[in-house]
């Protein structure tokens, strides 16, 4: 007979897995047979998420997938957010949400201790106590064809897209990889393009480097922190690199190459994913469980202010 941990899906290969056992209140109220006939398990939702963004596309340093939760637990309510931060997790628990899907992982590195008077420990304790599962789609969602980088490129009006750094799992049909390279419908000055990017992303400000009068037709971009892809960008025909969290010397290298940079910040390059994941999941489960509530978390904002 399988051990209790094996039956719950807890194995040594999942070091961050914390089982959760609380069932939604309405399942404890006696309306079990009819409700469970249609209701979804967390494992059902994970299956769809892994089809959307295969974990095999994640970078080797990344930690994607289920962070906290029991795959065999019933799910009635889902929130989507960018970060599993204390305020988001607390609000999800108050709202009796069963599953929080985020872009950024709760755990980037192995946890040495869970100290509940510290932010990470408090989040873990609160999630486990309230039965909140947490699942993340990160660099696998960045890389997958049709994922976050494609969404950003389409939001900015780019055409004829290809990966900036192609994945080993890419094919003629599925062009997976980090970043994107594309073309604008018409040539624009770098300064005018920066103004348009700011407007399309709803940012208060963006940072610009390079000659403001630089003529731009080809654009490279990367969601989140794009510094590791600067070398890939310089190997393309693109005149400008759009990303976030770029460092001083990375920007200098681009400037010395007579190219341009539009740094939109980490938050604005990625937050558009929240509504996109909500809409995809609603379409996926609309007929299977029409009572499943899937909502975007409305609490998040850019941590930076412009003064």
Foldseek 3Di string as FASTA:
>chain_A
DDDPCVVQVHDPVQLQEAEADDADPVCVVPPPPVVVVQWDFLLVVQVVVCVLFPPVQADPQADFWWRYYGRGYTFFEEEEFADLWPVLLVVCLVVLHQEYEHAHDLDSDRDPDQDCVDGSNVSVVSCRVSNYIYGHHYSSQQFWAVHLQVVLCVLLAFPPKAALAFDPPADPVIRTYFKIKGFHPDKDFQLVSLVSSCVSLVHPHKDKDADSRDIFTMEIEGAADCLVSLVSVLVDPGQEYEYADHDDVSQVVSRVSRGMYIHRHRCSSGRVNRVVVQVVVCVVCCVSHVSRHYYYDPPDDPPDDDD
